[in-house]
Amino acid sequence: MTQRTYQDACGAARTMDIVGERWALLIVRELVFGPKRFGDLRSGLPKASQNVLSQRLRELEQSGIVRRVQLGPPASVHAYELTERGHQLEPTLIELSRWGAGLPAEPDVEMSTDAFMLLLKALYRPPTDAPVTARLRLQVGTDAFEVGVSPSGISVARGRSGPVDVTVTGTVRALRDLMFGGTALRSAVSAGDIDVHGDIAAAQRFFLLFGATPGE
């Protein structure tokens, strides 16, 4: 299939020539926090057919946005990762996430774990009256992310790299309800939707650091 083009010299148009096809930019989103196997990409983008996903990956490879890699032991399988040029799209994705957070959203529409973590980066608002510095681990299924917050910003990384103040375990939906849906942490813990190990006060402070409510 020949890739469509706007035939426009504008930088925005030329960018859209590369990442404007359906699913292309969402593939980039799914790879922001590290390489993924094809099956993992499909899990994060369940509405994308296998054929379309394969086609978009080929196009992104040809454009120098994505490359294939061999994961080391214990996986030892082929995967996809962003190139340096691909990673340059992260600020654009963050701004799109921030802009889109104010749009109405269907309550039952799912969000991938990586999309949620990118949303954290988009909506983080450090308080000016009482600075907060903390390091948390968010565990969603088999995925673990370490999130550091400070007056200077927020960092998000997949994996376990060091000690944290608290570990919070739950589904993306449960974590979204905590951060943006008005659910109280202790209520979520009592209901069994969220599990907290460590400093629960640090977790409570963390969940107050995000200043916009998606869908409102």
N, C-alpha and C. Protein backbone atom coordinates (compact mmCIF):
# COMPACT_ATOMS: atom_id res chain seq x y z
N MET A 1 0.84 -1.19 0.00
CA MET A 1 0.00 0.00 0.00
C MET A 1 0.88 1.25 0.00
N THR A 2 0.56 2.19 -0.90
CA THR A 2 1.31 3.43 -0.96
C THR A 2 0.85 4.37 0.15
N GLN A 3 1.80 4.89 0.91
CA GLN A 3 1.46 5.79 2.00
C GLN A 3 0.98 7.12 1.44
N ARG A 4 -0.13 7.62 1.99
CA ARG A 4 -0.68 8.88 1.52
C ARG A 4 0.16 10.05 2.01
N THR A 5 0.11 11.14 1.26
CA THR A 5 0.87 12.32 1.64
C THR A 5 0.03 13.56 1.37
N TYR A 6 0.24 14.59 2.19
CA TYR A 6 -0.47 15.85 2.01
C TYR A 6 0.12 16.69 0.88
N GLN A 7 1.32 16.34 0.43
CA GLN A 7 1.99 17.13 -0.60
C GLN A 7 2.05 18.60 -0.19
N ASP A 8 2.49 18.82 1.05
CA ASP A 8 2.54 20.16 1.63
C ASP A 8 3.90 20.32 2.31
N ALA A 9 4.59 21.42 2.04
CA ALA A 9 5.94 21.62 2.58
C ALA A 9 5.96 22.02 4.05
N CYS A 10 4.81 22.32 4.63
CA CYS A 10 4.73 22.69 6.05
C CYS A 10 5.27 21.55 6.92
N GLY A 11 6.04 21.90 7.96
CA GLY A 11 6.59 20.88 8.84
C GLY A 11 5.53 20.04 9.51
N ALA A 12 4.42 20.67 9.91
CA ALA A 12 3.33 19.92 10.54
C ALA A 12 2.73 18.93 9.56
N ALA A 13 2.55 19.34 8.31
CA ALA A 13 2.00 18.45 7.30
C ALA A 13 2.94 17.28 7.03
N ARG A 14 4.23 17.56 6.96
CA ARG A 14 5.20 16.49 6.71
C ARG A 14 5.27 15.52 7.89
N THR A 15 5.08 16.05 9.10
CA THR A 15 5.01 15.16 10.27
C THR A 15 3.78 14.27 10.19
N MET A 16 2.64 14.86 9.79
CA MET A 16 1.41 14.07 9.68
C MET A 16 1.51 13.04 8.56
N ASP A 17 2.33 13.31 7.55
CA ASP A 17 2.57 12.29 6.52
C ASP A 17 3.11 11.01 7.14
N ILE A 18 3.88 11.16 8.22
CA ILE A 18 4.54 10.02 8.85
C ILE A 18 3.70 9.41 9.96
N VAL A 19 3.14 10.25 10.84
CA VAL A 19 2.45 9.72 12.02
C VAL A 19 0.95 10.02 12.01
N GLY A 20 0.43 10.53 10.89
CA GLY A 20 -0.97 10.89 10.84
C GLY A 20 -1.92 9.76 10.49
N GLU A 21 -1.39 8.64 9.99
CA GLU A 21 -2.26 7.51 9.71
C GLU A 21 -2.80 6.92 11.01
N ARG A 22 -4.00 6.34 10.93
CA ARG A 22 -4.63 5.79 12.13
C ARG A 22 -3.72 4.76 12.80
N TRP A 23 -3.58 4.86 14.10
CA TRP A 23 -2.81 4.00 14.99
C TRP A 23 -1.33 4.35 15.04
N ALA A 24 -0.82 5.10 14.09
CA ALA A 24 0.63 5.34 14.05
C ALA A 24 1.13 6.04 15.31
N LEU A 25 0.49 7.14 15.68
CA LEU A 25 0.96 7.88 16.84
C LEU A 25 0.70 7.12 18.14
N LEU A 26 -0.34 6.28 18.14
CA LEU A 26 -0.61 5.47 19.34
C LEU A 26 0.42 4.36 19.50
N ILE A 27 0.96 3.87 18.40
CA ILE A 27 2.08 2.92 18.48
C ILE A 27 3.27 3.60 19.14
N VAL A 28 3.55 4.83 18.72
CA VAL A 28 4.64 5.59 19.35
C VAL A 28 4.37 5.73 20.84
N ARG A 29 3.14 6.05 21.21
CA ARG A 29 2.76 6.18 22.62
C ARG A 29 3.08 4.90 23.40
N GLU A 30 2.76 3.76 22.81
CA GLU A 30 2.97 2.48 23.50
C GLU A 30 4.45 2.14 23.65
N LEU A 31 5.32 2.81 22.91
CA LEU A 31 6.76 2.51 22.97
C LEU A 31 7.56 3.56 23.72
N VAL A 32 6.90 4.60 24.23
CA VAL A 32 7.61 5.68 24.92
C VAL A 32 8.43 5.16 26.09
N PHE A 33 7.88 4.21 26.84
CA PHE A 33 8.54 3.75 28.07
C PHE A 33 9.39 2.50 27.87
N GLY A 34 9.66 2.15 26.62
CA GLY A 34 10.56 1.02 26.38
C GLY A 34 10.06 0.09 25.30
N PRO A 35 10.91 -0.85 24.86
CA PRO A 35 10.56 -1.76 23.77
C PRO A 35 9.42 -2.70 24.14
N LYS A 36 8.71 -3.15 23.10
CA LYS A 36 7.61 -4.10 23.29
C LYS A 36 7.60 -5.10 22.15
N ARG A 37 7.16 -6.31 22.50
CA ARG A 37 6.92 -7.32 21.47
C ARG A 37 5.64 -6.98 20.72
N PHE A 38 5.47 -7.59 19.57
CA PHE A 38 4.28 -7.33 18.76
C PHE A 38 3.01 -7.66 19.55
N GLY A 39 3.03 -8.78 20.27
CA GLY A 39 1.86 -9.17 21.05
C GLY A 39 1.53 -8.17 22.14
N ASP A 40 2.56 -7.58 22.74
CA ASP A 40 2.33 -6.56 23.77
C ASP A 40 1.73 -5.30 23.16
N LEU A 41 2.18 -4.95 21.96
CA LEU A 41 1.59 -3.80 21.27
C LEU A 41 0.12 -4.05 20.97
N ARG A 42 -0.21 -5.26 20.57
CA ARG A 42 -1.61 -5.59 20.29
C ARG A 42 -2.44 -5.51 21.56
N SER A 43 -1.86 -5.90 22.69
CA SER A 43 -2.59 -5.81 23.95
C SER A 43 -2.89 -4.36 24.32
N GLY A 44 -1.94 -3.47 24.02
CA GLY A 44 -2.15 -2.06 24.32
C GLY A 44 -3.06 -1.36 23.34
N LEU A 45 -3.20 -1.95 22.14
CA LEU A 45 -4.04 -1.38 21.08
C LEU A 45 -4.99 -2.46 20.57
N PRO A 46 -5.91 -2.95 21.41
CA PRO A 46 -6.72 -4.11 21.06
C PRO A 46 -7.67 -3.88 19.88
N LYS A 47 -7.98 -2.64 19.56
CA LYS A 47 -8.89 -2.36 18.44
C LYS A 47 -8.18 -2.32 17.09
N ALA A 48 -6.86 -2.35 17.11
CA ALA A 48 -6.09 -2.35 15.86
C ALA A 48 -5.94 -3.79 15.37
N SER A 49 -6.27 -4.03 14.12
CA SER A 49 -6.13 -5.38 13.58
C SER A 49 -4.65 -5.73 13.43
N GLN A 50 -4.37 -7.02 13.37
CA GLN A 50 -2.99 -7.47 13.23
C GLN A 50 -2.37 -6.93 11.94
N ASN A 51 -3.14 -6.95 10.85
CA ASN A 51 -2.62 -6.49 9.56
C ASN A 51 -2.31 -5.00 9.58
N VAL A 52 -3.23 -4.21 10.14
CA VAL A 52 -3.02 -2.76 10.18
C VAL A 52 -1.83 -2.42 11.08
N LEU A 53 -1.74 -3.10 12.22
CA LEU A 53 -0.63 -2.84 13.13
C LEU A 53 0.71 -3.17 12.46
N SER A 54 0.76 -4.28 11.74
CA SER A 54 1.98 -4.65 11.03
C SER A 54 2.33 -3.61 9.97
N GLN A 55 1.32 -3.13 9.25
CA GLN A 55 1.56 -2.12 8.22
C GLN A 55 2.09 -0.83 8.82
N ARG A 56 1.51 -0.39 9.92
CA ARG A 56 1.95 0.86 10.55
C ARG A 56 3.38 0.72 11.08
N LEU A 57 3.70 -0.43 11.64
CA LEU A 57 5.05 -0.65 12.13
C LEU A 57 6.06 -0.59 10.99
N ARG A 58 5.71 -1.18 9.85
CA ARG A 58 6.61 -1.12 8.68
C ARG A 58 6.82 0.32 8.25
N GLU A 59 5.74 1.10 8.22
CA GLU A 59 5.85 2.50 7.80
C GLU A 59 6.70 3.31 8.77
N LEU A 60 6.50 3.05 10.06
CA LEU A 60 7.28 3.78 11.07
C LEU A 60 8.75 3.37 11.02
N GLU A 61 9.02 2.10 10.72
CA GLU A 61 10.41 1.67 10.53
C GLU A 61 11.04 2.38 9.33
N GLN A 62 10.32 2.42 8.23
CA GLN A 62 10.84 3.06 7.02
C GLN A 62 11.10 4.55 7.23
N SER A 63 10.35 5.16 8.14
CA SER A 63 10.50 6.59 8.42
C SER A 63 11.52 6.88 9.51
N GLY A 64 12.13 5.83 10.07
CA GLY A 64 13.16 6.03 11.08
C GLY A 64 12.61 6.39 12.45
N ILE A 65 11.34 6.06 12.71
CA ILE A 65 10.71 6.34 14.01
C ILE A 65 10.83 5.14 14.94
N VAL A 66 10.75 3.95 14.37
CA VAL A 66 10.75 2.69 15.12
C VAL A 66 11.81 1.78 14.51
N ARG A 67 12.41 0.93 15.35
CA ARG A 67 13.33 -0.09 14.83
C ARG A 67 13.08 -1.40 15.56
N ARG A 68 13.48 -2.49 14.93
CA ARG A 68 13.37 -3.81 15.56
C ARG A 68 14.62 -4.08 16.39
N VAL A 69 14.40 -4.73 17.51
CA VAL A 69 15.52 -5.09 18.39
C VAL A 69 15.32 -6.52 18.88
N GLN A 70 16.40 -7.09 19.39
CA GLN A 70 16.35 -8.41 20.01
C GLN A 70 16.46 -8.21 21.50
N LEU A 71 15.42 -8.59 22.23
CA LEU A 71 15.47 -8.48 23.68
C LEU A 71 16.40 -9.55 24.24
N GLY A 72 17.15 -9.21 25.27
CA GLY A 72 18.06 -10.15 25.89
C GLY A 72 17.35 -11.14 26.80
N PRO A 73 18.10 -12.10 27.37
CA PRO A 73 17.52 -13.07 28.30
C PRO A 73 16.83 -12.35 29.46
N PRO A 74 15.75 -12.93 30.04
CA PRO A 74 15.21 -14.26 29.70
C PRO A 74 14.28 -14.28 28.50
N ALA A 75 13.94 -13.11 27.92
CA ALA A 75 12.96 -13.08 26.83
C ALA A 75 13.55 -13.63 25.53
N SER A 76 14.66 -13.05 25.07
CA SER A 76 15.33 -13.45 23.82
C SER A 76 14.34 -13.52 22.65
N VAL A 77 13.58 -12.44 22.47
CA VAL A 77 12.62 -12.38 21.38
C VAL A 77 12.77 -11.04 20.66
N HIS A 78 12.18 -10.97 19.48
CA HIS A 78 12.19 -9.72 18.72
C HIS A 78 11.17 -8.75 19.31
N ALA A 79 11.50 -7.48 19.25
CA ALA A 79 10.60 -6.45 19.77
C ALA A 79 10.80 -5.18 18.94
N TYR A 80 10.03 -4.18 19.28
CA TYR A 80 10.12 -2.87 18.62
C TYR A 80 10.44 -1.81 19.66
N GLU A 81 11.25 -0.84 19.27
CA GLU A 81 11.54 0.28 20.15
C GLU A 81 11.61 1.57 19.34
N LEU A 82 11.49 2.69 20.03
CA LEU A 82 11.62 3.98 19.37
C LEU A 82 13.08 4.30 19.10
N THR A 83 13.34 4.91 17.99
CA THR A 83 14.66 5.47 17.73
C THR A 83 14.77 6.80 18.47
N GLU A 84 15.95 7.40 18.41
CA GLU A 84 16.10 8.73 19.03
C GLU A 84 15.11 9.72 18.43
N ARG A 85 14.92 9.63 17.13
CA ARG A 85 13.96 10.52 16.47
C ARG A 85 12.53 10.21 16.92
N GLY A 86 12.25 8.95 17.15
CA GLY A 86 10.93 8.58 17.64
C GLY A 86 10.67 9.14 19.03
N HIS A 87 11.69 9.11 19.88
CA HIS A 87 11.53 9.64 21.24
C HIS A 87 11.29 11.15 21.24
N GLN A 88 11.69 11.82 20.17
CA GLN A 88 11.45 13.26 20.09
C GLN A 88 9.96 13.60 19.98
N LEU A 89 9.14 12.59 19.72
CA LEU A 89 7.69 12.80 19.64
C LEU A 89 7.03 12.79 21.01
N GLU A 90 7.75 12.40 22.06
CA GLU A 90 7.13 12.31 23.39
C GLU A 90 6.52 13.63 23.86
N PRO A 91 7.22 14.77 23.75
CA PRO A 91 6.58 16.03 24.18
C PRO A 91 5.28 16.32 23.43
N THR A 92 5.23 15.97 22.16
CA THR A 92 4.00 16.16 21.38
C THR A 92 2.88 15.29 21.93
N LEU A 93 3.20 14.04 22.25
CA LEU A 93 2.21 13.14 22.83
C LEU A 93 1.71 13.65 24.18
N ILE A 94 2.62 14.17 24.99
CA ILE A 94 2.23 14.70 26.29
C ILE A 94 1.27 15.88 26.11
N GLU A 95 1.58 16.77 25.17
CA GLU A 95 0.71 17.92 24.94
C GLU A 95 -0.65 17.48 24.40
N LEU A 96 -0.67 16.48 23.52
CA LEU A 96 -1.94 15.96 23.03
C LEU A 96 -2.75 15.32 24.15
N SER A 97 -2.08 14.59 25.05
CA SER A 97 -2.77 13.99 26.20
C SER A 97 -3.35 15.07 27.10
N ARG A 98 -2.58 16.12 27.32
CA ARG A 98 -3.06 17.22 28.18
C ARG A 98 -4.26 17.91 27.54
N TRP A 99 -4.18 18.17 26.24
CA TRP A 99 -5.27 18.82 25.53
C TRP A 99 -6.52 17.94 25.53
N GLY A 100 -6.33 16.65 25.27
CA GLY A 100 -7.46 15.73 25.19
C GLY A 100 -8.09 15.39 26.52
N ALA A 101 -7.38 15.65 27.62
CA ALA A 101 -7.93 15.33 28.95
C ALA A 101 -9.20 16.11 29.24
N GLY A 102 -9.38 17.25 28.59
CA GLY A 102 -10.58 18.04 28.83
C GLY A 102 -11.75 17.68 27.95
N LEU A 103 -11.58 16.72 27.04
CA LEU A 103 -12.66 16.31 26.16
C LEU A 103 -13.55 15.27 26.83
N PRO A 104 -14.85 15.25 26.50
CA PRO A 104 -15.74 14.22 27.06
C PRO A 104 -15.24 12.83 26.69
N ALA A 105 -15.34 11.91 27.64
CA ALA A 105 -14.87 10.54 27.40
C ALA A 105 -15.95 9.55 27.82
N GLU A 106 -16.09 8.48 27.04
CA GLU A 106 -17.02 7.42 27.41
C GLU A 106 -16.50 6.73 28.67
N PRO A 107 -17.36 6.55 29.69
CA PRO A 107 -16.88 5.99 30.96
C PRO A 107 -16.36 4.56 30.86
N ASP A 108 -16.84 3.79 29.88
CA ASP A 108 -16.46 2.38 29.79
C ASP A 108 -15.32 2.13 28.81
N VAL A 109 -14.80 3.19 28.18
CA VAL A 109 -13.69 3.01 27.24
C VAL A 109 -12.40 2.79 28.02
N GLU A 110 -11.67 1.74 27.65
CA GLU A 110 -10.46 1.38 28.37
C GLU A 110 -9.27 2.26 27.96
N MET A 111 -8.25 2.27 28.80
CA MET A 111 -7.01 2.99 28.54
C MET A 111 -5.86 2.04 28.81
N SER A 112 -4.86 2.02 27.94
CA SER A 112 -3.71 1.15 28.17
C SER A 112 -2.88 1.68 29.34
N THR A 113 -2.07 0.80 29.90
CA THR A 113 -1.21 1.21 31.01
C THR A 113 -0.25 2.31 30.59
N ASP A 114 0.33 2.18 29.40
CA ASP A 114 1.28 3.19 28.94
C ASP A 114 0.60 4.53 28.68
N ALA A 115 -0.63 4.50 28.17
CA ALA A 115 -1.38 5.74 27.97
C ALA A 115 -1.64 6.42 29.30
N PHE A 116 -1.96 5.64 30.32
CA PHE A 116 -2.21 6.21 31.65
C PHE A 116 -0.94 6.85 32.21
N MET A 117 0.19 6.18 32.05
CA MET A 117 1.44 6.73 32.58
C MET A 117 1.82 8.02 31.85
N LEU A 118 1.55 8.07 30.55
CA LEU A 118 1.81 9.31 29.82
C LEU A 118 0.88 10.42 30.30
N LEU A 119 -0.36 10.05 30.64
CA LEU A 119 -1.30 11.04 31.16
C LEU A 119 -0.81 11.63 32.48
N LEU A 120 -0.17 10.80 33.31
CA LEU A 120 0.40 11.32 34.56
C LEU A 120 1.40 12.43 34.26
N LYS A 121 2.26 12.21 33.28
CA LYS A 121 3.25 13.22 32.92
C LYS A 121 2.56 14.49 32.39
N ALA A 122 1.45 14.29 31.70
CA ALA A 122 0.75 15.44 31.11
C ALA A 122 0.05 16.29 32.16
N LEU A 123 -0.50 15.65 33.20
CA LEU A 123 -1.37 16.37 34.13
C LEU A 123 -0.72 16.67 35.48
N TYR A 124 0.54 16.33 35.65
CA TYR A 124 1.20 16.61 36.93
C TYR A 124 1.27 18.11 37.18
N ARG A 125 0.83 18.49 38.38
CA ARG A 125 0.85 19.89 38.79
C ARG A 125 1.48 19.99 40.17
N PRO A 126 2.78 20.29 40.27
CA PRO A 126 3.42 20.38 41.59
C PRO A 126 2.80 21.51 42.41
N PRO A 127 2.49 21.24 43.67
CA PRO A 127 1.91 22.29 44.50
C PRO A 127 2.93 23.38 44.80
N THR A 128 2.46 24.60 44.91
CA THR A 128 3.36 25.71 45.20
C THR A 128 3.43 26.04 46.68
N ASP A 129 2.41 25.62 47.44
CA ASP A 129 2.37 25.97 48.86
C ASP A 129 3.15 24.99 49.72
N ALA A 130 3.08 23.69 49.38
CA ALA A 130 3.77 22.66 50.18
C ALA A 130 4.44 21.68 49.23
N PRO A 131 5.69 21.92 48.83
CA PRO A 131 6.37 21.05 47.87
C PRO A 131 6.37 19.59 48.31
N VAL A 132 6.16 18.70 47.34
CA VAL A 132 6.12 17.27 47.60
C VAL A 132 7.24 16.58 46.82
N THR A 133 7.99 15.75 47.52
CA THR A 133 9.01 14.92 46.89
C THR A 133 8.75 13.48 47.32
N ALA A 134 8.53 12.60 46.36
CA ALA A 134 8.22 11.21 46.70
C ALA A 134 8.58 10.31 45.52
N ARG A 135 8.74 9.03 45.82
CA ARG A 135 9.00 8.03 44.78
C ARG A 135 8.06 6.86 45.02
N LEU A 136 7.26 6.55 44.02
CA LEU A 136 6.26 5.50 44.13
C LEU A 136 6.47 4.45 43.05
N ARG A 137 5.98 3.25 43.37
CA ARG A 137 5.91 2.20 42.35
C ARG A 137 4.43 1.91 42.10
N LEU A 138 4.02 2.03 40.85
CA LEU A 138 2.66 1.69 40.45
C LEU A 138 2.71 0.33 39.76
N GLN A 139 1.99 -0.63 40.31
CA GLN A 139 1.98 -1.99 39.78
C GLN A 139 0.62 -2.24 39.13
N VAL A 140 0.63 -2.46 37.82
CA VAL A 140 -0.60 -2.72 37.08
C VAL A 140 -0.43 -4.06 36.38
N GLY A 141 -1.04 -5.11 36.91
CA GLY A 141 -0.83 -6.44 36.38
C GLY A 141 0.63 -6.82 36.51
N THR A 142 1.26 -7.23 35.41
CA THR A 142 2.68 -7.58 35.44
C THR A 142 3.57 -6.37 35.17
N ASP A 143 2.97 -5.22 34.89
CA ASP A 143 3.73 -4.00 34.60
C ASP A 143 4.02 -3.23 35.87
N ALA A 144 5.27 -2.84 36.05
CA ALA A 144 5.66 -1.99 37.18
C ALA A 144 6.29 -0.71 36.64
N PHE A 145 5.87 0.41 37.19
CA PHE A 145 6.43 1.71 36.81
C PHE A 145 6.86 2.44 38.07
N GLU A 146 8.01 3.09 38.01
CA GLU A 146 8.45 3.92 39.12
C GLU A 146 8.23 5.38 38.74
N VAL A 147 7.55 6.08 39.64
CA VAL A 147 7.17 7.47 39.40
C VAL A 147 7.80 8.34 40.47
N GLY A 148 8.60 9.29 40.06
CA GLY A 148 9.21 10.24 40.98
C GLY A 148 8.59 11.61 40.80
N VAL A 149 8.18 12.24 41.90
CA VAL A 149 7.61 13.59 41.83
C VAL A 149 8.42 14.51 42.73
N SER A 150 8.59 15.73 42.26
CA SER A 150 9.33 16.75 43.00
C SER A 150 8.85 18.11 42.52
N PRO A 151 9.27 19.19 43.18
CA PRO A 151 8.86 20.52 42.71
C PRO A 151 9.31 20.82 41.28
N SER A 152 10.35 20.13 40.81
CA SER A 152 10.87 20.41 39.47
C SER A 152 10.19 19.60 38.38
N GLY A 153 9.40 18.59 38.74
CA GLY A 153 8.73 17.82 37.71
C GLY A 153 8.43 16.39 38.11
N ILE A 154 8.13 15.58 37.10
CA ILE A 154 7.76 14.19 37.30
C ILE A 154 8.57 13.31 36.36
N SER A 155 8.99 12.15 36.86
CA SER A 155 9.67 11.16 36.02
C SER A 155 8.90 9.85 36.09
N VAL A 156 8.81 9.17 34.97
CA VAL A 156 8.10 7.89 34.90
C VAL A 156 8.98 6.91 34.14
N ALA A 157 9.23 5.74 34.73
CA ALA A 157 10.07 4.74 34.07
C ALA A 157 9.50 3.35 34.33
N ARG A 158 9.51 2.52 33.29
CA ARG A 158 9.06 1.15 33.47
C ARG A 158 10.14 0.35 34.19
N GLY A 159 9.71 -0.52 35.13
CA GLY A 159 10.63 -1.39 35.82
C GLY A 159 10.81 -1.04 37.28
N ARG A 160 11.71 -1.79 37.92
CA ARG A 160 12.03 -1.59 39.33
C ARG A 160 13.51 -1.28 39.42
N SER A 161 13.83 -0.05 39.79
CA SER A 161 15.23 0.36 39.78
C SER A 161 15.79 0.73 41.14
N GLY A 162 14.96 0.79 42.15
CA GLY A 162 15.47 1.19 43.45
C GLY A 162 14.38 1.28 44.49
N PRO A 163 14.73 1.72 45.70
CA PRO A 163 13.75 1.82 46.78
C PRO A 163 12.70 2.89 46.50
N VAL A 164 11.49 2.66 46.97
CA VAL A 164 10.40 3.61 46.81
C VAL A 164 9.74 3.84 48.17
N ASP A 165 9.00 4.93 48.27
CA ASP A 165 8.29 5.23 49.52
C ASP A 165 7.06 4.36 49.69
N VAL A 166 6.43 4.01 48.58
CA VAL A 166 5.19 3.23 48.66
C VAL A 166 4.95 2.54 47.32
N THR A 167 4.33 1.37 47.38
CA THR A 167 3.92 0.64 46.19
C THR A 167 2.40 0.57 46.16
N VAL A 168 1.82 0.99 45.05
CA VAL A 168 0.37 0.97 44.89
C VAL A 168 0.04 0.02 43.75
N THR A 169 -0.84 -0.94 44.01
CA THR A 169 -1.21 -1.95 43.02
C THR A 169 -2.69 -1.82 42.69
N GLY A 170 -3.00 -1.84 41.41
CA GLY A 170 -4.40 -1.77 41.00
C GLY A 170 -4.51 -1.78 39.49
N THR A 171 -5.73 -1.81 38.99
CA THR A 171 -5.96 -1.73 37.56
C THR A 171 -5.87 -0.27 37.11
N VAL A 172 -5.74 -0.07 35.80
CA VAL A 172 -5.74 1.30 35.28
C VAL A 172 -7.03 2.00 35.65
N ARG A 173 -8.15 1.30 35.55
CA ARG A 173 -9.43 1.93 35.89
C ARG A 173 -9.47 2.37 37.34
N ALA A 174 -8.99 1.53 38.25
CA ALA A 174 -9.00 1.89 39.67
C ALA A 174 -8.08 3.08 39.94
N LEU A 175 -6.92 3.10 39.28
CA LEU A 175 -5.99 4.22 39.47
C LEU A 175 -6.55 5.51 38.87
N ARG A 176 -7.23 5.40 37.74
CA ARG A 176 -7.87 6.58 37.15
C ARG A 176 -8.93 7.15 38.08
N ASP A 177 -9.71 6.26 38.69
CA ASP A 177 -10.75 6.72 39.61
C ASP A 177 -10.15 7.43 40.81
N LEU A 178 -8.98 6.95 41.26
CA LEU A 178 -8.31 7.60 42.39
C LEU A 178 -7.82 8.99 42.02
N MET A 179 -7.23 9.10 40.86
CA MET A 179 -6.58 10.36 40.49
C MET A 179 -7.54 11.38 39.91
N PHE A 180 -8.54 10.89 39.19
CA PHE A 180 -9.39 11.83 38.46
C PHE A 180 -10.88 11.67 38.73
N GLY A 181 -11.27 10.60 39.41
CA GLY A 181 -12.70 10.33 39.58
C GLY A 181 -13.25 10.62 40.95
N GLY A 182 -12.43 11.14 41.84
CA GLY A 182 -12.93 11.50 43.16
C GLY A 182 -12.99 10.37 44.17
N THR A 183 -12.49 9.18 43.82
CA THR A 183 -12.49 8.07 44.76
C THR A 183 -11.42 8.29 45.83
N ALA A 184 -11.79 8.07 47.09
CA ALA A 184 -10.84 8.22 48.20
C ALA A 184 -9.95 6.98 48.28
N LEU A 185 -8.67 7.18 48.59
CA LEU A 185 -7.73 6.07 48.63
C LEU A 185 -8.15 5.01 49.63
N ARG A 186 -8.50 5.42 50.84
CA ARG A 186 -8.86 4.42 51.86
C ARG A 186 -10.12 3.65 51.45
N SER A 187 -11.03 4.31 50.76
CA SER A 187 -12.23 3.61 50.28
C SER A 187 -11.87 2.57 49.23
N ALA A 188 -10.94 2.92 48.34
CA ALA A 188 -10.50 1.99 47.30
C ALA A 188 -9.77 0.80 47.92
N VAL A 189 -8.97 1.06 48.96
CA VAL A 189 -8.27 -0.02 49.66
C VAL A 189 -9.28 -0.93 50.36
N SER A 190 -10.25 -0.34 51.04
CA SER A 190 -11.27 -1.12 51.75
C SER A 190 -12.09 -1.98 50.80
N ALA A 191 -12.33 -1.45 49.58
CA ALA A 191 -13.12 -2.18 48.60
C ALA A 191 -12.30 -3.26 47.89
N GLY A 192 -10.99 -3.28 48.11
CA GLY A 192 -10.13 -4.25 47.46
C GLY A 192 -9.72 -3.88 46.05
N ASP A 193 -10.02 -2.63 45.63
CA ASP A 193 -9.65 -2.20 44.28
C ASP A 193 -8.19 -1.77 44.19
N ILE A 194 -7.63 -1.35 45.32
CA ILE A 194 -6.26 -0.86 45.38
C ILE A 194 -5.56 -1.51 46.57
N ASP A 195 -4.29 -1.85 46.38
CA ASP A 195 -3.47 -2.38 47.47
C ASP A 195 -2.29 -1.44 47.68
N VAL A 196 -2.00 -1.10 48.92
CA VAL A 196 -0.93 -0.16 49.24
C VAL A 196 0.06 -0.81 50.18
N HIS A 197 1.35 -0.78 49.82
CA HIS A 197 2.42 -1.26 50.70
C HIS A 197 3.40 -0.12 50.91
N GLY A 198 3.52 0.30 52.16
CA GLY A 198 4.43 1.41 52.46
C GLY A 198 3.70 2.58 53.05
N ASP A 199 4.20 3.76 52.79
CA ASP A 199 3.70 4.99 53.39
C ASP A 199 2.40 5.43 52.72
N ILE A 200 1.26 5.11 53.33
CA ILE A 200 -0.03 5.44 52.72
C ILE A 200 -0.24 6.94 52.64
N ALA A 201 0.35 7.70 53.56
CA ALA A 201 0.23 9.16 53.51
C ALA A 201 0.92 9.70 52.26
N ALA A 202 2.06 9.09 51.90
CA ALA A 202 2.76 9.50 50.67
C ALA A 202 1.90 9.21 49.45
N ALA A 203 1.20 8.07 49.47
CA ALA A 203 0.31 7.73 48.37
C ALA A 203 -0.84 8.74 48.27
N GLN A 204 -1.40 9.10 49.42
CA GLN A 204 -2.50 10.08 49.41
C GLN A 204 -2.05 11.42 48.85
N ARG A 205 -0.86 11.86 49.24
CA ARG A 205 -0.35 13.13 48.71
C ARG A 205 -0.13 13.04 47.20
N PHE A 206 0.37 11.89 46.77
CA PHE A 206 0.65 11.69 45.35
C PHE A 206 -0.62 11.84 44.51
N PHE A 207 -1.71 11.24 44.97
CA PHE A 207 -2.93 11.24 44.17
C PHE A 207 -3.61 12.60 44.11
N LEU A 208 -3.08 13.58 44.82
CA LEU A 208 -3.64 14.93 44.78
C LEU A 208 -2.85 15.86 43.86
N LEU A 209 -1.86 15.32 43.17
CA LEU A 209 -0.94 16.16 42.40
C LEU A 209 -1.31 16.31 40.93
N PHE A 210 -2.50 15.88 40.57
CA PHE A 210 -2.87 15.89 39.16
C PHE A 210 -4.09 16.78 38.98
N GLY A 211 -3.88 17.86 38.20
CA GLY A 211 -4.79 18.98 38.28
C GLY A 211 -5.93 19.04 37.30
N ALA A 212 -6.12 18.02 36.47
CA ALA A 212 -7.24 18.07 35.54
C ALA A 212 -8.01 16.77 35.62
N THR A 213 -9.29 16.83 35.32
CA THR A 213 -10.14 15.65 35.36
C THR A 213 -10.54 15.27 33.95
N PRO A 214 -10.01 14.16 33.41
CA PRO A 214 -10.38 13.76 32.06
C PRO A 214 -11.89 13.61 31.92
N GLY A 215 -12.41 14.11 30.81
CA GLY A 215 -13.82 13.93 30.53
C GLY A 215 -14.70 15.03 31.06
N GLU A 216 -14.15 16.01 31.77
CA GLU A 216 -14.97 17.10 32.28
C GLU A 216 -14.59 18.41 31.61
